[in-house]
């Protein structure tokens, strides 16, 4: 089966080769990622011989962020050697900035059987923790071969994921036997996963959603290390709409809404943090075409010597925690007139911001259901609804502030999944 998986990977690599060659030529970041995945031996160092290595993996920014409270707990309360891997350049940048020097951060190598065998041999982990649905077959199979415990943390499985996994279960059945504990967000996720592995349902545990813990943790960190809005170039009288993790065409919608709202409220400003910072120049062109003043920024330092523009476009990753802390209102992207399934709307709600998002949020269906049912966030279905909601918040600030306070309290009431995951990690390492 290893040979079959490797053959499939190689066939996919051949199919995508023209696209990858184009990206290697055009994108320096992509070149760096591929280089480090291929020549990982130059970067990865084995842990010290007297430490037990716990290896945690998160695909990109969202997964790395949700692992932060768990990593912090492991570093503070154990003597384990902690290693974090990720698959994207954005995830790597955030992890390097987020974790201290005593946490090793690396790219996950390509999932070929010979690569995983060599990686495991060098790192010698005592336990592997995979976030959500990062179920790489050869990684799992190598862990199974070495009889290492593998935990899956904060897993979810929507109906599309379920259909996909059901089609390829012949490919995954053996690797999935490596998993010794499978923490899931909700009972619906547990039911779908249980139907995929009916003979091993005892390993499935409904923990709740670690994103609540992560959002609360980041909100506390943001308030402790908050950079004032004056540092970003805004006054206390300005109103700031923070739009995080946006995709096209959301930026155009937000900029147009801002243009109309500023006729009613000239003190309103928009801070755009696109999901892909490389799109910043394209977004700047949209603002230019609409006649809206704009500025690109990588940090508060860039803004201190300038008058605020109507739109600030953040062309760096890892700043949203800081931005939620200075905002008045929040829009969470990947959700309005896109099919990306939404982004994490818990971070602004945990920061106490009145928060809205579009209807395309299938990746966060359970979270959205909880937020809407408890009346702590708002869904807007079109550009017009977005404009009207923002105008309502501007006209009734006390109502908007009350919404933000309710949101923060609700997030606080839902934390606890990280405690369960942490306890199971300690137990597994003790028994391994």
Protein backbone atom coordinates (compact mmCIF):
# COMPACT_ATOMS: atom_id res chain seq x y z
CA UNK A 1 0.00 0.00 0.00
CA UNK A 2 2.96 2.35 0.64
CA UNK A 3 3.99 1.90 -2.99
CA UNK A 4 0.48 2.75 -4.15
CA UNK A 5 0.37 5.91 -2.04
CA UNK A 6 3.79 7.00 -3.27
CA UNK A 7 2.75 6.33 -6.87
CA UNK A 8 -0.38 8.45 -6.43
CA UNK A 9 1.68 11.29 -4.95
CA UNK A 10 4.16 11.13 -7.84
CA UNK A 11 1.33 11.08 -10.41
CA UNK A 12 -0.22 14.16 -8.79
CA UNK A 13 3.19 15.86 -8.74
CA UNK A 14 3.58 15.24 -12.49
CA UNK A 15 0.08 16.58 -13.15
CA UNK A 16 0.69 19.79 -11.20
CA UNK A 17 4.32 20.22 -12.30
CA UNK A 18 3.67 23.01 -14.88
CA UNK A 19 1.71 25.00 -12.31
CA UNK A 20 4.39 24.49 -9.67
CA UNK A 21 7.20 25.46 -12.04
CA UNK A 22 5.35 28.69 -12.81
CA UNK A 23 4.96 29.43 -9.11
CA UNK A 24 8.60 28.57 -8.42
CA UNK A 25 9.57 31.14 -11.03
CA UNK A 26 7.16 33.84 -9.86
CA UNK A 27 6.96 33.40 -6.07
CA UNK A 28 10.08 33.52 -3.85
CA UNK A 29 8.06 32.36 -0.81
CA UNK A 30 6.90 29.26 -2.67
CA UNK A 31 10.50 28.51 -3.69
CA UNK A 32 11.55 28.73 -0.04
CA UNK A 33 8.76 26.40 1.10
CA UNK A 34 9.56 23.75 -1.53
CA UNK A 35 13.27 24.00 -0.78
CA UNK A 36 12.75 23.48 2.96
CA UNK A 37 10.33 20.60 2.42
CA UNK A 38 12.76 18.85 0.08
CA UNK A 39 15.95 19.55 2.05
CA UNK A 40 14.52 19.42 5.56
CA UNK A 41 17.59 17.61 6.95
CA UNK A 42 19.53 20.89 6.88
CA UNK A 43 17.01 22.59 9.22
CA UNK A 44 15.68 19.82 11.50
CA UNK A 45 17.77 18.94 14.54
CA UNK A 46 17.10 15.95 16.81
CA UNK A 47 15.83 16.76 20.32
CA UNK A 48 18.21 16.44 23.24
CA UNK A 49 18.74 12.84 24.30
CA UNK A 50 17.23 13.36 27.78
CA UNK A 51 13.96 14.88 26.53
CA UNK A 52 10.79 13.24 25.31
CA UNK A 53 9.68 14.84 22.04
CA UNK A 54 6.01 15.71 21.51
CA UNK A 55 5.36 16.61 17.88
CA UNK A 56 2.35 18.78 17.04
CA UNK A 57 1.25 19.54 13.49
CA UNK A 58 -1.08 22.22 12.12
CA UNK A 59 -1.72 22.83 8.43
CA UNK A 60 -1.66 26.61 8.35
CA UNK A 61 -2.40 29.78 10.32
CA UNK A 62 -5.74 28.68 11.78
CA UNK A 63 -4.50 25.32 13.04
CA UNK A 64 -1.26 26.77 14.40
CA UNK A 65 -3.24 29.45 16.26
CA UNK A 66 -5.59 26.93 17.88
CA UNK A 67 -2.56 24.89 19.07
CA UNK A 68 -1.05 27.91 20.85
CA UNK A 69 -2.70 27.39 24.30
CA UNK A 70 -1.85 23.68 24.18
CA UNK A 71 1.80 24.34 23.28
CA UNK A 72 2.00 27.02 25.96
CA UNK A 73 0.68 24.54 28.55
CA UNK A 74 3.13 21.83 27.49
CA UNK A 75 6.10 24.21 27.56
CA UNK A 76 5.13 25.69 30.94
CA UNK A 77 4.24 22.48 32.78
CA UNK A 78 6.40 19.70 31.32
CA UNK A 79 10.00 19.06 30.34
CA UNK A 80 9.03 17.65 26.93
CA UNK A 81 10.89 18.77 23.83
CA UNK A 82 8.16 20.40 21.75
CA UNK A 83 8.24 20.43 17.95
CA UNK A 84 5.61 22.13 15.77
CA UNK A 85 5.31 21.52 12.03
CA UNK A 86 3.17 23.25 9.45
CA UNK A 87 2.57 23.00 5.74
CA UNK A 88 2.30 26.60 4.48
CA UNK A 89 4.55 29.64 4.50
CA UNK A 90 1.88 31.66 6.35
CA UNK A 91 1.63 28.97 9.03
CA UNK A 92 5.42 28.85 9.35
CA UNK A 93 5.72 32.63 9.75
CA UNK A 94 2.99 32.72 12.40
CA UNK A 95 4.48 29.76 14.29
CA UNK A 96 7.97 31.30 14.30
CA UNK A 97 6.57 34.55 15.65
CA UNK A 98 4.22 32.88 18.12
CA UNK A 99 6.43 30.33 19.86
CA UNK A 100 9.58 30.88 21.90
CA UNK A 101 13.02 29.57 20.96
CA UNK A 102 12.46 26.45 23.08
CA UNK A 103 9.80 25.28 20.56
CA UNK A 104 11.24 23.89 17.32
CA UNK A 105 9.27 25.02 14.26
CA UNK A 106 9.67 23.28 10.89
CA UNK A 107 7.87 22.60 7.65
CA UNK A 108 6.31 19.16 7.37
CA UNK A 109 8.25 17.27 4.69
CA UNK A 110 6.45 15.80 1.69
CA UNK A 111 4.43 12.73 2.69
CA UNK A 112 6.43 10.03 0.90
CA UNK A 113 7.06 6.86 2.87
CA UNK A 114 10.87 7.12 2.69
CA UNK A 115 10.73 10.78 3.78
CA UNK A 116 8.52 10.05 6.77
CA UNK A 117 10.69 7.10 7.79
CA UNK A 118 13.79 9.32 7.83
CA UNK A 119 11.96 12.19 9.58
CA UNK A 120 10.69 9.92 12.37
CA UNK A 121 14.14 8.37 12.74
CA UNK A 122 15.72 11.81 13.26
CA UNK A 123 13.05 13.35 15.50
CA UNK A 124 12.15 10.21 17.53
CA UNK A 125 8.83 11.53 18.84
CA UNK A 126 7.09 9.90 21.80
CA UNK A 127 3.70 11.23 20.66
CA UNK A 128 2.28 12.86 17.54
CA UNK A 129 -0.62 15.35 17.73
CA UNK A 130 -2.39 16.19 14.46
CA UNK A 131 -4.86 19.07 14.39
CA UNK A 132 -8.31 18.83 12.81
CA UNK A 133 -8.05 16.68 9.64
CA UNK A 134 -4.31 16.64 8.90
CA UNK A 135 -4.33 12.89 8.30
CA UNK A 136 -1.30 12.30 6.09
CA UNK A 137 -1.31 8.57 5.19
CA UNK A 138 2.43 7.84 5.18
CA UNK A 139 2.99 9.86 8.35
CA UNK A 140 0.27 7.83 10.08
CA UNK A 141 1.56 4.57 8.67
CA UNK A 142 5.09 5.23 9.92
CA UNK A 143 3.73 6.05 13.38
CA UNK A 144 1.72 2.81 13.28
CA UNK A 145 4.80 0.87 12.22
CA UNK A 146 6.73 2.32 15.18
CA UNK A 147 3.77 1.76 17.55
CA UNK A 148 3.71 5.45 18.51
CA UNK A 149 0.52 6.98 19.90
CA UNK A 150 -1.12 9.50 17.55
CA UNK A 151 -3.73 11.95 18.81
CA UNK A 152 -6.03 13.96 16.57
CA UNK A 153 -7.03 17.23 18.25
CA UNK A 154 -10.04 19.43 17.56
CA UNK A 155 -11.17 17.31 14.63
CA UNK A 156 -14.24 18.23 12.60
CA UNK A 157 -15.88 16.46 9.69
CA UNK A 158 -18.57 18.21 7.66
CA UNK A 159 -20.68 16.35 5.11
CA UNK A 160 -18.26 17.16 2.26
CA UNK A 161 -15.28 15.86 4.26
CA UNK A 162 -17.25 12.74 5.10
CA UNK A 163 -18.05 11.98 1.46
CA UNK A 164 -14.42 12.51 0.47
CA UNK A 165 -13.03 10.27 3.22
CA UNK A 166 -15.60 7.56 2.52
CA UNK A 167 -14.42 7.39 -1.10
CA UNK A 168 -10.77 6.86 -0.11
CA UNK A 169 -11.14 4.69 3.00
CA UNK A 170 -9.42 1.77 1.22
CA UNK A 171 -6.41 4.10 1.05
CA UNK A 172 -6.62 5.20 4.70
CA UNK A 173 -8.00 2.26 6.67
CA UNK A 174 -4.59 0.90 7.67
CA UNK A 175 -2.93 4.30 8.46
CA UNK A 176 -5.92 5.35 10.57
CA UNK A 177 -5.20 2.45 12.91
CA UNK A 178 -2.27 4.53 14.20
CA UNK A 179 -4.70 6.93 15.89
CA UNK A 180 -5.08 6.10 19.57
CA UNK A 181 -7.22 9.10 20.59
CA UNK A 182 -9.47 11.21 18.36
CA UNK A 183 -10.77 14.44 19.90
CA UNK A 184 -13.71 15.91 18.00
CA UNK A 185 -15.54 19.21 18.26
CA UNK A 186 -19.15 18.04 18.34
CA UNK A 187 -21.37 14.95 18.44
CA UNK A 188 -22.18 15.27 14.72
CA UNK A 189 -18.46 15.05 13.93
CA UNK A 190 -18.19 12.02 16.20
CA UNK A 191 -21.05 10.26 14.40
CA UNK A 192 -19.45 10.73 10.96
CA UNK A 193 -16.02 9.58 12.12
CA UNK A 194 -17.55 6.63 13.97
CA UNK A 195 -19.20 5.46 10.76
CA UNK A 196 -15.78 5.49 9.05
CA UNK A 197 -14.08 3.44 11.79
CA UNK A 198 -16.99 1.50 13.40
CA UNK A 199 -14.65 -1.05 15.00
CA UNK A 200 -12.70 1.64 16.89
CA UNK A 201 -15.39 4.00 18.14
CA UNK A 202 -13.93 3.87 21.68
CA UNK A 203 -11.05 6.19 20.67
CA UNK A 204 -13.44 9.05 19.77
CA UNK A 205 -13.96 11.75 22.39
CA UNK A 206 -16.17 14.85 22.11
CA UNK A 207 -14.03 17.60 23.65
CA UNK A 208 -15.71 20.77 22.43
CA UNK A 209 -13.91 23.21 20.19
CA UNK A 210 -10.34 24.27 20.98
CA UNK A 211 -10.92 27.41 18.91
CA UNK A 212 -12.86 28.85 21.88
CA UNK A 213 -9.81 28.29 24.10
CA UNK A 214 -7.49 29.73 21.48
CA UNK A 215 -9.67 32.78 20.90
CA UNK A 216 -9.93 33.47 24.62
CA UNK A 217 -6.18 32.94 25.07
CA UNK A 218 -5.35 35.32 22.21
CA UNK A 219 -7.81 37.94 23.43
CA UNK A 220 -6.15 37.91 26.85
CA UNK A 221 -2.71 38.13 25.24
CA UNK A 222 -3.90 40.95 23.00
CA UNK A 223 -5.20 42.97 25.95
CA UNK A 224 -1.97 42.46 27.90
CA UNK A 225 0.28 43.52 25.02
CA UNK A 226 -2.12 45.85 23.30
CA UNK A 227 -0.61 48.47 21.01
CA UNK A 228 -2.83 51.53 21.19
CA UNK A 229 -4.78 52.71 18.19
CA UNK A 230 -2.70 55.90 18.35
CA UNK A 231 0.34 53.75 17.52
CA UNK A 232 -1.48 52.67 14.37
CA UNK A 233 -2.16 56.32 13.51
CA UNK A 234 -5.78 56.58 14.68
CA UNK A 235 -7.32 58.72 17.43
CA UNK A 236 -9.65 57.59 20.19
CA UNK A 237 -12.52 59.33 18.40
CA UNK A 238 -12.09 57.31 15.20
CA UNK A 239 -14.23 54.24 14.51
CA UNK A 240 -12.31 51.24 13.18
CA UNK A 241 -13.86 48.43 11.15
CA UNK A 242 -11.44 45.47 11.15
CA UNK A 243 -11.97 43.06 8.26
CA UNK A 244 -9.93 39.91 8.84
CA UNK A 245 -8.99 36.99 6.59
CA UNK A 246 -10.80 38.42 3.58
CA UNK A 247 -10.97 36.93 0.08
CA UNK A 248 -12.03 38.41 -3.25
CA UNK A 249 -14.56 39.98 -3.85
CA UNK A 250 -15.06 40.87 -0.18
CA UNK A 251 -12.49 43.66 -0.25
CA UNK A 252 -14.35 45.46 -3.05
CA UNK A 253 -17.63 45.09 -1.13
CA UNK A 254 -16.10 46.44 2.08
CA UNK A 255 -14.38 49.36 0.38
CA UNK A 256 -17.63 50.35 -1.36
CA UNK A 257 -19.54 50.08 1.94
CA UNK A 258 -16.89 52.22 3.62
CA UNK A 259 -17.15 54.85 0.88
CA UNK A 260 -20.90 55.15 1.44
CA UNK A 261 -20.72 54.99 5.25
CA UNK A 262 -18.10 57.74 5.46
CA UNK A 263 -20.62 60.13 3.95
CA UNK A 264 -22.66 59.47 7.08
CA UNK A 265 -19.73 58.99 9.49
CA UNK A 266 -16.43 60.59 8.35
CA UNK A 267 -14.56 59.17 11.36
CA UNK A 268 -14.97 55.58 10.13
CA UNK A 269 -11.86 53.79 8.84
CA UNK A 270 -11.35 50.32 7.41
CA UNK A 271 -8.41 48.04 8.23
CA UNK A 272 -8.19 45.13 5.78
CA UNK A 273 -6.15 42.04 6.64
CA UNK A 274 -6.52 39.72 3.61
CA UNK A 275 -6.14 35.96 4.04
CA UNK A 276 -3.34 36.08 1.47
CA UNK A 277 -1.13 39.14 2.09
CA UNK A 278 0.32 38.79 -1.43
CA UNK A 279 -3.00 40.18 -2.69
CA UNK A 280 -2.39 43.53 -0.96
CA UNK A 281 -1.38 45.34 -4.16
CA UNK A 282 -4.48 44.08 -5.98
CA UNK A 283 -6.65 45.36 -3.12
CA UNK A 284 -4.86 48.71 -3.22
CA UNK A 285 -5.80 48.97 -6.90
CA UNK A 286 -9.47 48.36 -6.01
CA UNK A 287 -9.33 51.25 -3.52
CA UNK A 288 -7.59 53.41 -6.14
CA UNK A 289 -10.29 52.66 -8.70
CA UNK A 290 -13.01 53.62 -6.19
CA UNK A 291 -11.28 56.86 -5.27
CA UNK A 292 -10.62 55.81 -1.67
CA UNK A 293 -7.34 56.74 0.00
CA UNK A 294 -5.28 53.74 1.10
CA UNK A 295 -1.97 52.66 2.54
CA UNK A 296 -0.10 49.36 2.84
CA UNK A 297 1.28 48.45 6.24
CA UNK A 298 3.21 45.59 7.81
CA UNK A 299 3.09 46.83 11.41
CA UNK A 300 2.06 49.71 13.67
CA UNK A 301 5.54 51.15 13.15
CA UNK A 302 4.72 51.84 9.48
CA UNK A 303 1.76 54.02 10.50
CA UNK A 304 3.20 56.27 13.18
CA UNK A 305 4.45 59.01 10.88
CA UNK A 306 1.45 59.13 8.57
CA UNK A 307 -2.06 60.51 8.60
CA UNK A 308 -4.55 57.64 8.55
CA UNK A 309 -5.84 56.63 5.14
CA UNK A 310 -9.48 55.64 4.70
CA UNK A 311 -8.34 52.06 4.08
CA UNK A 312 -5.27 50.44 5.59
CA UNK A 313 -4.25 47.16 3.92
CA UNK A 314 -2.14 44.85 6.06
CA UNK A 315 0.36 42.94 3.92
CA UNK A 316 1.77 40.75 6.69
CA UNK A 317 0.54 37.74 8.67
CA UNK A 318 0.10 37.34 12.41
CA UNK A 319 -1.29 40.82 13.20
CA UNK A 320 -5.00 40.12 13.57
CA UNK A 321 -4.81 39.56 17.35
CA UNK A 322 -3.33 43.04 17.66
CA UNK A 323 -5.89 44.54 15.30
CA UNK A 324 -8.96 43.01 16.96
CA UNK A 325 -7.75 44.64 20.20
CA UNK A 326 -7.96 48.15 18.74
CA UNK A 327 -11.14 47.74 16.66
CA UNK A 328 -14.74 48.86 17.14
CA UNK A 329 -16.45 46.49 14.68
CA UNK A 330 -15.39 43.27 12.96
CA UNK A 331 -16.11 41.52 9.68
CA UNK A 332 -14.74 37.99 9.20
CA UNK A 333 -13.95 37.06 5.62
CA UNK A 334 -14.12 34.01 3.42
CA UNK A 335 -17.87 34.11 3.93
CA UNK A 336 -19.57 36.71 1.67
CA UNK A 337 -19.97 35.96 -2.05
CA UNK A 338 -17.15 33.42 -1.82
CA UNK A 339 -17.09 29.65 -1.39
CA UNK A 340 -14.20 29.40 1.07
CA UNK A 341 -16.37 28.30 3.99
CA UNK A 342 -15.52 31.17 6.33
CA UNK A 343 -12.65 31.96 8.68
CA UNK A 344 -12.37 31.97 12.47
CA UNK A 345 -15.02 34.34 13.83
CA UNK A 346 -14.25 33.51 17.46
CA UNK A 347 -11.20 35.78 17.68
CA UNK A 348 -13.09 39.08 17.31
CA UNK A 349 -16.00 37.87 19.46
CA UNK A 350 -13.54 36.86 22.21
CA UNK A 351 -12.02 40.35 21.95
CA UNK A 352 -15.47 41.82 22.63
CA UNK A 353 -16.13 43.23 19.16
CA UNK A 354 -19.57 43.28 17.54
CA UNK A 355 -18.89 40.78 14.77
CA UNK A 356 -20.49 39.92 11.44
CA UNK A 357 -19.80 37.52 8.58
CA UNK A 358 -21.44 36.24 5.42
CA UNK A 359 -23.57 33.09 4.95
CA UNK A 360 -20.88 30.83 3.42
CA UNK A 361 -19.45 29.47 6.66
CA UNK A 362 -19.69 25.69 6.24
CA UNK A 363 -16.21 25.17 7.78
CA UNK A 364 -17.51 26.77 11.00
CA UNK A 365 -21.12 25.58 10.91
CA UNK A 366 -21.28 24.48 14.55
CA UNK A 367 -19.61 27.66 15.81
CA UNK A 368 -21.88 29.88 13.71
CA UNK A 369 -24.95 27.99 14.93
CA UNK A 370 -23.90 28.62 18.55
CA UNK A 371 -23.11 32.29 17.95
CA UNK A 372 -26.36 33.02 16.13
CA UNK A 373 -28.56 31.04 18.52
CA UNK A 374 -27.04 32.88 21.49
CA UNK A 375 -27.40 36.24 19.73
CA UNK A 376 -23.72 37.15 20.02
CA UNK A 377 -22.83 37.68 16.33
CA UNK A 378 -24.60 38.66 13.11
CA UNK A 379 -24.83 37.09 9.65
CA UNK A 380 -25.21 39.34 6.60
CA UNK A 381 -26.36 37.76 3.36
CA UNK A 382 -25.45 40.47 0.87
CA UNK A 383 -23.63 43.76 0.43
CA UNK A 384 -26.74 45.77 1.30
CA UNK A 385 -27.25 43.92 4.59
CA UNK A 386 -23.62 44.56 5.49
CA UNK A 387 -24.03 48.29 4.87
CA UNK A 388 -27.25 48.47 6.92
CA UNK A 389 -25.80 46.51 9.85
CA UNK A 390 -22.66 48.67 10.03
CA UNK A 391 -24.81 51.82 9.85
CA UNK A 392 -26.96 50.47 12.69
CA UNK A 393 -23.87 49.81 14.84
CA UNK A 394 -22.56 53.32 14.12
CA UNK A 395 -25.93 54.91 14.99
CA UNK A 396 -26.49 52.85 18.15
CA UNK A 397 -23.06 52.42 19.77
CA UNK A 398 -24.43 51.21 23.11
CA UNK A 399 -26.32 48.39 21.38
CA UNK A 400 -23.16 47.44 19.46
CA UNK A 401 -21.05 47.49 22.62
CA UNK A 402 -23.58 45.31 24.42
CA UNK A 403 -23.38 42.78 21.58
CA UNK A 404 -19.59 42.72 21.96
CA UNK A 405 -19.79 42.18 25.72
CA UNK A 406 -22.25 39.31 25.31
CA UNK A 407 -19.95 37.75 22.70
CA UNK A 408 -16.93 37.87 24.99
CA UNK A 409 -18.88 36.29 27.87
CA UNK A 410 -20.20 33.54 25.61
CA UNK A 411 -16.73 32.57 24.37
CA UNK A 412 -15.46 32.45 27.95
CA UNK A 413 -18.29 30.07 28.85
CA UNK A 414 -17.27 27.56 26.14
CA UNK A 415 -13.59 26.99 26.94
CA UNK A 416 -12.27 23.63 28.15
CA UNK A 417 -11.35 21.52 25.11
CA UNK A 418 -7.64 22.25 25.54
CA UNK A 419 -7.73 20.92 29.11
CA UNK A 420 -9.12 17.57 27.91
CA UNK A 421 -6.58 17.33 25.08
CA UNK A 422 -3.67 18.24 27.37
CA UNK A 423 -4.69 15.63 29.95
CA UNK A 424 -4.84 12.91 27.30
CA UNK A 425 -1.39 13.86 25.97
CA UNK A 426 0.14 13.56 29.45
CA UNK A 427 -1.55 10.23 29.99
CA UNK A 428 -0.40 8.86 26.61
CA UNK A 429 3.23 9.93 27.13
CA UNK A 430 3.21 8.43 30.62
CA UNK A 431 1.96 5.11 29.26
CA UNK A 432 4.12 5.00 26.10
